């Protein structure tokens, strides 16, 4: 039974996945975050109240949905507890949260190392959020990481002591202050007590749900073009936000996955360093940023903005096997008189529809644009595709044609209900 749906980012992140996930969560029994850490942010607006999630799955807002942090996630206990407390202050009981015992823990030395490594890079800074994500994944693969099952057990003390001793040797080489085991252990053992009731075997839980025919929604953080394997390396995240990460980050087999939705905006944006073929370093780019409120949920950094790049979106559709696209911010782009869409690249005098993450290729490509009529008017009340003005319909139809992927959802405003489902 294919009762698992995956929602992932199809560009460089910040596409509005939280809105789509929140919309779909009402029809699912489980919402599972499968990758990344608190370097990501999902924004959801409910009844005029804005929620910014960095770790919690967006489905947590529904009491009848079991919200799971899967084994592919790296968890900063301090940040997670802050999010839980913030929700409780807003009246949510947060009794529907479950944390994989296999998820790895971010500790203070991961954050210090993240900051230090970015600091010593001279020219090729990655634009890391300095949340300790990369170093935590490094420890995971180096097999010295601390899992949640360790964190909430008596093993934590000895594992932490060993890791701090080893990290202090590294920090000494970088002339950084020595970490104090007693201080860190005293603080983090209290976090472990708070989180222990949420920790469980989520793999078995999910497979029991699959056998019962219950619907599961898997949500990715970051996006396809930031994937450690398939993104614009090295300007990528430290995990797999693509479809493969949904499988390895939850323990759900491919045969159970039905729909795979890729979320994009009706324009493009990116945070941090790295190539961006359609970036606009002019008044138009600034206008997109202001109209779309393009500032990072996690970092508050202004996002780089530009026209929609369908060459890269075609690539995301291909590597993820997308069954549908979700296009957000149609209302934002519709405020322009004229709208451009990148339909091909020009590379060394030749036009190409092929995308490559090779840095030399991307840095030497120029976009080939098609122009569309804008001024869509107020479309926030539209709930059917046919309700949209013909100019907006034409824009969506062209996205479908060039990606060979149907547009299943269209965001026409910031609110939970301001979405068209086709």
Protein backbone atom coordinates (compact mmCIF):
# COMPACT_ATOMS: atom_id res chain seq x y z
CA UNK A 1 0.00 0.00 0.00
CA UNK A 2 1.45 3.36 -1.08
CA UNK A 3 0.16 5.42 1.83
CA UNK A 4 3.31 7.54 2.31
CA UNK A 5 3.62 11.03 0.82
CA UNK A 6 6.91 12.96 0.67
CA UNK A 7 7.18 16.76 0.48
CA UNK A 8 10.60 18.18 -0.32
CA UNK A 9 12.24 21.36 -1.56
CA UNK A 10 12.99 21.43 -5.27
CA UNK A 11 15.35 24.42 -5.40
CA UNK A 12 17.79 25.93 -2.84
CA UNK A 13 15.44 25.89 0.15
CA UNK A 14 12.97 28.36 1.67
CA UNK A 15 10.31 27.39 -0.89
CA UNK A 16 7.45 27.40 1.61
CA UNK A 17 7.40 23.69 2.43
CA UNK A 18 5.90 24.39 5.85
CA UNK A 19 2.71 25.77 4.32
CA UNK A 20 2.23 22.77 2.04
CA UNK A 21 3.08 20.30 4.79
CA UNK A 22 0.66 21.99 7.18
CA UNK A 23 -2.08 21.83 4.52
CA UNK A 24 -1.50 18.13 3.89
CA UNK A 25 -1.05 17.20 7.55
CA UNK A 26 -4.78 17.44 8.25
CA UNK A 27 -5.29 14.34 6.08
CA UNK A 28 -2.42 12.31 7.57
CA UNK A 29 -1.96 10.43 10.82
CA UNK A 30 1.83 10.90 10.91
CA UNK A 31 4.13 13.80 10.02
CA UNK A 32 7.80 12.83 9.86
CA UNK A 33 10.83 15.10 9.58
CA UNK A 34 13.54 13.03 7.91
CA UNK A 35 16.71 15.13 7.48
CA UNK A 36 18.72 18.16 8.56
CA UNK A 37 18.67 19.99 11.87
CA UNK A 38 17.88 23.43 13.20
CA UNK A 39 19.72 25.01 10.28
CA UNK A 40 16.36 24.83 8.53
CA UNK A 41 13.16 26.69 9.18
CA UNK A 42 9.53 26.05 8.30
CA UNK A 43 7.02 28.88 8.57
CA UNK A 44 3.33 28.26 9.09
CA UNK A 45 0.58 30.82 9.63
CA UNK A 46 -2.59 29.68 11.41
CA UNK A 47 -5.43 32.07 12.23
CA UNK A 48 -3.06 35.02 11.88
CA UNK A 49 -0.49 33.48 14.24
CA UNK A 50 2.92 32.73 12.74
CA UNK A 51 4.88 29.67 13.77
CA UNK A 52 8.56 29.18 12.93
CA UNK A 53 9.74 25.61 13.31
CA UNK A 54 13.42 24.70 13.14
CA UNK A 55 13.17 21.09 14.30
CA UNK A 56 9.57 20.20 15.04
CA UNK A 57 7.58 18.74 12.14
CA UNK A 58 4.93 21.18 10.91
CA UNK A 59 2.24 18.56 11.56
CA UNK A 60 2.74 19.06 15.32
CA UNK A 61 -0.02 21.69 15.20
CA UNK A 62 -2.67 18.95 14.74
CA UNK A 63 -3.41 17.05 17.97
CA UNK A 64 -4.51 13.98 15.99
CA UNK A 65 -1.21 13.82 14.05
CA UNK A 66 1.78 11.98 15.47
CA UNK A 67 4.79 14.23 14.80
CA UNK A 68 8.06 12.33 14.44
CA UNK A 69 11.70 13.43 14.31
CA UNK A 70 13.25 10.63 12.25
CA UNK A 71 16.65 9.01 12.53
CA UNK A 72 18.06 11.18 9.73
CA UNK A 73 17.67 14.35 11.79
CA UNK A 74 20.42 15.81 14.01
CA UNK A 75 18.90 17.33 17.13
CA UNK A 76 20.07 20.23 19.28
CA UNK A 77 18.31 19.42 22.58
CA UNK A 78 18.35 23.01 23.77
CA UNK A 79 16.66 24.29 20.60
CA UNK A 80 14.10 21.47 20.59
CA UNK A 81 13.10 22.12 24.18
CA UNK A 82 12.71 25.84 23.42
CA UNK A 83 10.37 24.99 20.53
CA UNK A 84 8.35 22.61 22.70
CA UNK A 85 8.01 25.26 25.41
CA UNK A 86 7.02 27.92 22.88
CA UNK A 87 4.22 25.71 21.62
CA UNK A 88 3.04 24.97 25.15
CA UNK A 89 2.89 28.71 25.84
CA UNK A 90 0.55 29.01 22.85
CA UNK A 91 -1.77 26.38 24.29
CA UNK A 92 -0.48 23.24 22.55
CA UNK A 93 0.07 20.20 24.79
CA UNK A 94 2.78 18.65 22.57
CA UNK A 95 1.78 15.13 23.59
CA UNK A 96 2.02 14.02 19.96
CA UNK A 97 5.82 14.27 19.58
CA UNK A 98 8.05 11.24 19.05
CA UNK A 99 11.83 11.25 18.61
CA UNK A 100 13.77 8.47 16.93
CA UNK A 101 16.17 6.72 19.27
CA UNK A 102 18.58 6.61 16.30
CA UNK A 103 18.66 10.39 15.72
CA UNK A 104 22.01 12.01 16.57
CA UNK A 105 22.51 14.78 19.11
CA UNK A 106 24.15 18.15 18.46
CA UNK A 107 26.38 19.16 21.38
CA UNK A 108 28.24 22.41 22.16
CA UNK A 109 31.49 21.21 20.62
CA UNK A 110 29.73 20.70 17.26
CA UNK A 111 28.69 24.35 17.21
CA UNK A 112 32.15 25.59 18.21
CA UNK A 113 33.78 23.47 15.51
CA UNK A 114 31.27 24.66 12.92
CA UNK A 115 32.09 28.29 13.74
CA UNK A 116 35.83 27.62 13.81
CA UNK A 117 35.98 25.80 10.48
CA UNK A 118 34.02 28.55 8.74
CA UNK A 119 36.23 31.16 10.38
CA UNK A 120 39.48 29.68 9.02
CA UNK A 121 38.19 29.37 5.46
CA UNK A 122 39.69 32.31 3.65
CA UNK A 123 38.02 32.59 0.24
CA UNK A 124 35.61 29.69 -0.09
CA UNK A 125 33.35 30.26 2.89
CA UNK A 126 30.28 28.02 2.71
CA UNK A 127 27.80 30.34 4.39
CA UNK A 128 27.04 27.73 7.07
CA UNK A 129 24.43 28.64 9.66
CA UNK A 130 26.97 27.67 12.36
CA UNK A 131 24.42 25.49 14.15
CA UNK A 132 26.75 22.48 14.39
CA UNK A 133 24.96 20.46 11.72
CA UNK A 134 27.98 19.49 9.61
CA UNK A 135 30.21 18.46 12.53
CA UNK A 136 27.35 16.42 14.03
CA UNK A 137 26.95 14.48 10.78
CA UNK A 138 30.75 14.10 10.61
CA UNK A 139 30.70 12.42 14.03
CA UNK A 140 27.81 10.23 12.88
CA UNK A 141 29.82 8.88 9.97
CA UNK A 142 33.06 8.81 11.95
CA UNK A 143 31.08 6.65 14.40
CA UNK A 144 31.73 8.77 17.46
CA UNK A 145 28.31 10.44 17.48
CA UNK A 146 25.88 10.28 20.37
CA UNK A 147 22.41 9.05 19.47
CA UNK A 148 19.23 9.94 21.35
CA UNK A 149 19.19 6.42 22.81
CA UNK A 150 22.64 7.15 24.28
CA UNK A 151 21.71 10.66 25.33
CA UNK A 152 18.82 9.51 27.55
CA UNK A 153 20.75 6.58 29.06
CA UNK A 154 23.52 6.15 31.61
CA UNK A 155 25.97 5.77 28.71
CA UNK A 156 25.78 9.48 27.97
CA UNK A 157 28.21 10.53 30.71
CA UNK A 158 31.11 8.36 29.54
CA UNK A 159 30.48 8.98 25.84
CA UNK A 160 30.38 12.74 26.41
CA UNK A 161 33.58 12.66 28.48
CA UNK A 162 35.45 10.75 25.77
CA UNK A 163 34.21 13.05 23.00
CA UNK A 164 35.07 16.22 24.91
CA UNK A 165 38.59 14.94 25.57
CA UNK A 166 39.04 14.29 21.84
CA UNK A 167 37.48 17.58 20.75
CA UNK A 168 39.67 19.52 23.16
CA UNK A 169 42.73 18.23 21.32
CA UNK A 170 41.32 19.61 18.09
CA UNK A 171 40.28 22.92 19.65
CA UNK A 172 43.75 23.31 21.15
CA UNK A 173 45.24 23.12 17.66
CA UNK A 174 42.91 25.96 16.62
CA UNK A 175 43.81 27.91 19.78
CA UNK A 176 40.26 27.77 21.08
CA UNK A 177 39.24 27.62 24.76
CA UNK A 178 39.08 24.21 26.38
CA UNK A 179 35.64 22.67 26.86
CA UNK A 180 34.65 21.90 30.45
CA UNK A 181 33.06 18.48 30.74
CA UNK A 182 31.41 19.08 34.13
CA UNK A 183 29.56 22.20 32.93
CA UNK A 184 28.32 20.62 29.72
CA UNK A 185 27.27 17.38 31.39
CA UNK A 186 25.40 19.22 34.16
CA UNK A 187 23.40 21.21 31.60
CA UNK A 188 22.73 18.46 29.09
CA UNK A 189 21.75 15.70 31.50
CA UNK A 190 18.80 17.96 32.44
CA UNK A 191 17.85 18.27 28.78
CA UNK A 192 18.02 14.48 28.51
CA UNK A 193 15.51 14.10 31.37
CA UNK A 194 13.06 16.42 29.60
CA UNK A 195 13.33 14.68 26.23
CA UNK A 196 13.48 11.05 27.42
CA UNK A 197 9.66 10.54 27.39
CA UNK A 198 9.58 11.41 23.68
CA UNK A 199 12.34 8.98 22.58
CA UNK A 200 11.24 5.69 21.04
CA UNK A 201 11.59 3.23 18.15
CA UNK A 202 9.99 5.28 15.40
CA UNK A 203 10.85 2.77 12.66
CA UNK A 204 8.60 0.12 14.18
CA UNK A 205 5.95 2.76 14.88
CA UNK A 206 5.88 3.84 11.24
CA UNK A 207 5.74 0.30 9.87
CA UNK A 208 2.88 -0.56 12.20
CA UNK A 209 1.08 2.48 10.81
CA UNK A 210 1.78 1.37 7.24
CA UNK A 211 0.32 -2.07 7.95
CA UNK A 212 -2.82 -0.42 9.33
CA UNK A 213 -3.15 1.66 6.15
CA UNK A 214 -2.66 4.95 8.00
CA UNK A 215 -1.37 7.91 6.00
CA UNK A 216 2.14 9.20 6.59
CA UNK A 217 3.59 12.52 5.47
CA UNK A 218 7.39 12.85 5.29
CA UNK A 219 8.79 16.37 5.26
CA UNK A 220 12.27 17.34 4.18
CA UNK A 221 14.39 20.25 5.32
CA UNK A 222 16.53 22.37 2.98
CA UNK A 223 16.17 21.31 -0.66
CA UNK A 224 17.35 19.25 -3.60
CA UNK A 225 19.99 21.65 -4.88
CA UNK A 226 21.55 21.68 -1.41
CA UNK A 227 21.80 17.89 -1.27
CA UNK A 228 25.23 16.64 -0.19
CA UNK A 229 25.39 14.39 -3.29
CA UNK A 230 23.17 16.06 -5.88
CA UNK A 231 23.54 19.75 -4.95
CA UNK A 232 26.04 22.42 -5.97
CA UNK A 233 28.86 20.95 -3.88
CA UNK A 234 30.55 22.23 -1.73
CA UNK A 235 27.86 24.90 -1.24
CA UNK A 236 25.42 22.35 0.13
CA UNK A 237 23.97 21.05 3.37
CA UNK A 238 25.35 18.02 5.21
CA UNK A 239 22.48 15.61 4.55
CA UNK A 240 20.22 14.28 1.78
CA UNK A 241 17.06 16.40 1.48
CA UNK A 242 16.20 14.47 -1.71
CA UNK A 243 13.97 11.40 -1.96
CA UNK A 244 16.77 9.06 -0.89
CA UNK A 245 17.02 10.89 2.41
CA UNK A 246 13.32 10.29 3.03
CA UNK A 247 13.97 6.56 2.88
CA UNK A 248 17.18 6.40 4.91
CA UNK A 249 16.00 9.09 7.34
CA UNK A 250 12.83 7.24 8.35
CA UNK A 251 13.34 3.54 7.64
CA UNK A 252 10.37 3.54 5.25
CA UNK A 253 10.93 1.44 2.13
CA UNK A 254 10.50 2.89 -1.36
CA UNK A 255 7.58 0.60 -2.21
CA UNK A 256 5.39 2.37 0.35
CA UNK A 257 5.87 5.84 -1.15
CA UNK A 258 3.11 7.13 -3.41
CA UNK A 259 3.18 10.87 -4.05
CA UNK A 260 6.43 12.86 -4.06
CA UNK A 261 5.75 16.59 -4.13
CA UNK A 262 8.45 19.15 -4.88
CA UNK A 263 7.88 22.66 -3.53
CA UNK A 264 9.05 25.74 -5.43
CA UNK A 265 8.26 29.43 -5.48
CA UNK A 266 6.97 31.30 -8.51
CA UNK A 267 10.40 32.96 -8.44
CA UNK A 268 13.79 31.85 -7.08
CA UNK A 269 15.73 32.55 -3.90
CA UNK A 270 18.83 31.29 -2.15
CA UNK A 271 20.59 31.89 1.17
CA UNK A 272 24.34 31.63 1.55
CA UNK A 273 27.18 31.24 -0.93
CA UNK A 274 27.14 29.26 -4.15
CA UNK A 275 26.00 29.54 -7.78
CA UNK A 276 22.63 31.05 -8.68
CA UNK A 277 22.13 31.44 -12.44
CA UNK A 278 19.00 33.65 -12.34
CA UNK A 279 20.03 35.87 -9.43
CA UNK A 280 19.10 39.54 -9.90
CA UNK A 281 21.51 42.02 -8.37
CA UNK A 282 19.29 44.99 -9.13
CA UNK A 283 16.08 46.75 -8.14
CA UNK A 284 13.97 43.87 -9.42
CA UNK A 285 15.79 41.42 -7.16
CA UNK A 286 15.35 43.81 -4.24
CA UNK A 287 11.64 44.18 -5.01
CA UNK A 288 11.13 40.40 -5.06
CA UNK A 289 12.88 40.18 -1.68
CA UNK A 290 10.67 42.81 -0.10
CA UNK A 291 7.39 41.62 -1.62
CA UNK A 292 8.13 38.01 -0.70
CA UNK A 293 9.57 38.84 2.76
CA UNK A 294 12.68 36.90 1.81
CA UNK A 295 14.61 36.76 5.05
CA UNK A 296 15.77 33.49 6.61
CA UNK A 297 13.51 31.88 9.23
CA UNK A 298 16.59 30.57 11.05
CA UNK A 299 19.30 33.14 10.31
CA UNK A 300 17.24 36.26 9.41
CA UNK A 301 19.72 36.76 6.55
CA UNK A 302 18.35 38.47 3.42
CA UNK A 303 17.89 35.92 0.65
CA UNK A 304 19.32 36.31 -2.81
CA UNK A 305 16.43 36.58 -5.28
CA UNK A 306 15.81 36.15 -8.99
CA UNK A 307 13.45 34.86 -11.67
CA UNK A 308 12.18 31.29 -11.68
CA UNK A 309 14.78 28.84 -13.02
CA UNK A 310 12.99 25.93 -14.70
CA UNK A 311 16.21 24.30 -15.89
CA UNK A 312 17.15 23.49 -12.30
CA UNK A 313 13.56 22.54 -11.43
CA UNK A 314 13.54 19.99 -14.27
CA UNK A 315 16.66 18.47 -12.71
CA UNK A 316 14.94 18.25 -9.31
CA UNK A 317 11.91 16.61 -10.87
CA UNK A 318 14.24 14.05 -12.47
CA UNK A 319 16.38 13.06 -9.47
CA UNK A 320 13.42 12.91 -7.07
CA UNK A 321 10.89 11.30 -9.38
CA UNK A 322 8.43 14.05 -8.51
CA UNK A 323 4.77 13.23 -9.07
CA UNK A 324 3.72 16.83 -8.58
CA UNK A 325 4.89 20.39 -7.96
CA UNK A 326 3.67 22.88 -5.39
CA UNK A 327 4.12 26.49 -6.54
CA UNK A 328 4.07 29.09 -3.76
CA UNK A 329 4.07 32.90 -3.94
CA UNK A 330 2.08 33.12 -7.16
CA UNK A 331 0.48 36.18 -5.58
CA UNK A 332 3.91 37.76 -5.04
CA UNK A 333 5.23 37.35 -8.57
CA UNK A 334 1.85 38.45 -9.93
CA UNK A 335 2.51 41.97 -8.63
CA UNK A 336 5.08 42.57 -11.38
CA UNK A 337 4.06 44.07 -14.73
CA UNK A 338 6.29 41.66 -16.62
CA UNK A 339 7.60 38.31 -15.36
CA UNK A 340 10.54 36.38 -16.71
CA UNK A 341 11.15 32.64 -16.53
CA UNK A 342 14.43 30.90 -17.32
CA UNK A 343 13.64 28.16 -19.85
CA UNK A 344 17.21 27.25 -20.88
CA UNK A 345 20.86 28.08 -20.22
CA UNK A 346 23.41 29.39 -22.67
CA UNK A 347 26.80 27.78 -22.13
CA UNK A 348 29.79 28.52 -24.37
CA UNK A 349 27.51 29.90 -27.07
CA UNK A 350 25.15 26.93 -27.08
CA UNK A 351 21.66 26.62 -25.61
CA UNK A 352 21.04 23.71 -23.24
CA UNK A 353 18.17 22.37 -21.16
CA UNK A 354 20.52 20.20 -19.11
CA UNK A 355 21.42 21.14 -15.55
CA UNK A 356 24.72 20.31 -13.89
CA UNK A 357 25.89 20.98 -10.36
CA UNK A 358 29.44 21.49 -11.66
CA UNK A 359 30.52 24.88 -10.31
CA UNK A 360 32.47 25.83 -13.44
CA UNK A 361 29.42 25.06 -15.57
CA UNK A 362 26.98 27.06 -13.45
CA UNK A 363 29.30 30.05 -13.09
CA UNK A 364 29.57 30.28 -16.88
CA UNK A 365 25.90 29.88 -17.74
CA UNK A 366 23.57 32.73 -18.64
CA UNK A 367 19.79 32.35 -18.44
CA UNK A 368 17.57 32.24 -21.52
CA UNK A 369 14.28 33.89 -20.59
CA UNK A 370 10.67 33.85 -21.72
CA UNK A 371 8.51 36.80 -20.69
CA UNK A 372 4.98 36.65 -19.29
CA UNK A 373 2.32 39.20 -18.50
CA UNK A 374 1.97 40.00 -14.80
CA UNK A 375 -0.49 42.09 -12.79
CA UNK A 376 -2.59 39.13 -11.64
CA UNK A 377 -4.54 41.26 -9.16
CA UNK A 378 -5.76 39.92 -5.81
CA UNK A 379 -5.80 36.13 -6.15
CA UNK A 380 -5.84 35.31 -2.42
CA UNK A 381 -9.50 34.25 -2.55
CA UNK A 382 -9.02 31.86 -5.48
CA UNK A 383 -9.60 28.22 -4.50
CA UNK A 384 -9.83 26.65 -7.94
CA UNK A 385 -7.39 26.86 -10.83
CA UNK A 386 -10.19 28.19 -13.01
CA UNK A 387 -10.65 31.10 -10.58
CA UNK A 388 -7.18 32.43 -11.44
CA UNK A 389 -6.86 35.09 -14.14
CA UNK A 390 -5.82 33.67 -17.50
CA UNK A 391 -2.38 35.31 -17.21
CA UNK A 392 -1.72 33.37 -14.01
CA UNK A 393 -3.04 30.14 -15.54
CA UNK A 394 -0.69 30.58 -18.50
CA UNK A 395 2.25 30.99 -16.12
CA UNK A 396 1.41 27.76 -14.28
CA UNK A 397 0.77 25.87 -17.52
CA UNK A 398 4.22 26.80 -18.81
CA UNK A 399 5.83 25.51 -15.62
CA UNK A 400 4.08 22.18 -16.20
CA UNK A 401 5.13 22.03 -19.84
CA UNK A 402 8.82 22.71 -19.22
CA UNK A 403 9.15 20.40 -16.20
CA UNK A 404 6.86 17.67 -17.54
CA UNK A 405 5.37 17.59 -14.05
CA UNK A 406 1.83 18.57 -12.99
CA UNK A 407 1.37 21.48 -10.59
CA UNK A 408 -0.80 19.99 -7.84
CA UNK A 409 -0.83 22.89 -5.35
CA UNK A 410 -0.65 26.67 -5.78
CA UNK A 411 -0.01 29.10 -2.94
CA UNK A 412 -1.98 32.33 -3.40
CA UNK A 413 -1.29 33.90 0.01
CA UNK A 414 0.47 33.37 3.32
CA UNK A 415 -2.43 31.83 5.26
CA UNK A 416 -3.09 28.12 5.80
CA UNK A 417 -6.27 28.28 3.71
CA UNK A 418 -4.81 30.37 0.86
CA UNK A 419 -3.92 27.47 -1.38
CA UNK A 420 -5.34 25.87 -4.50
CA UNK A 421 -5.39 22.06 -4.56
CA UNK A 422 -5.81 20.48 -7.99
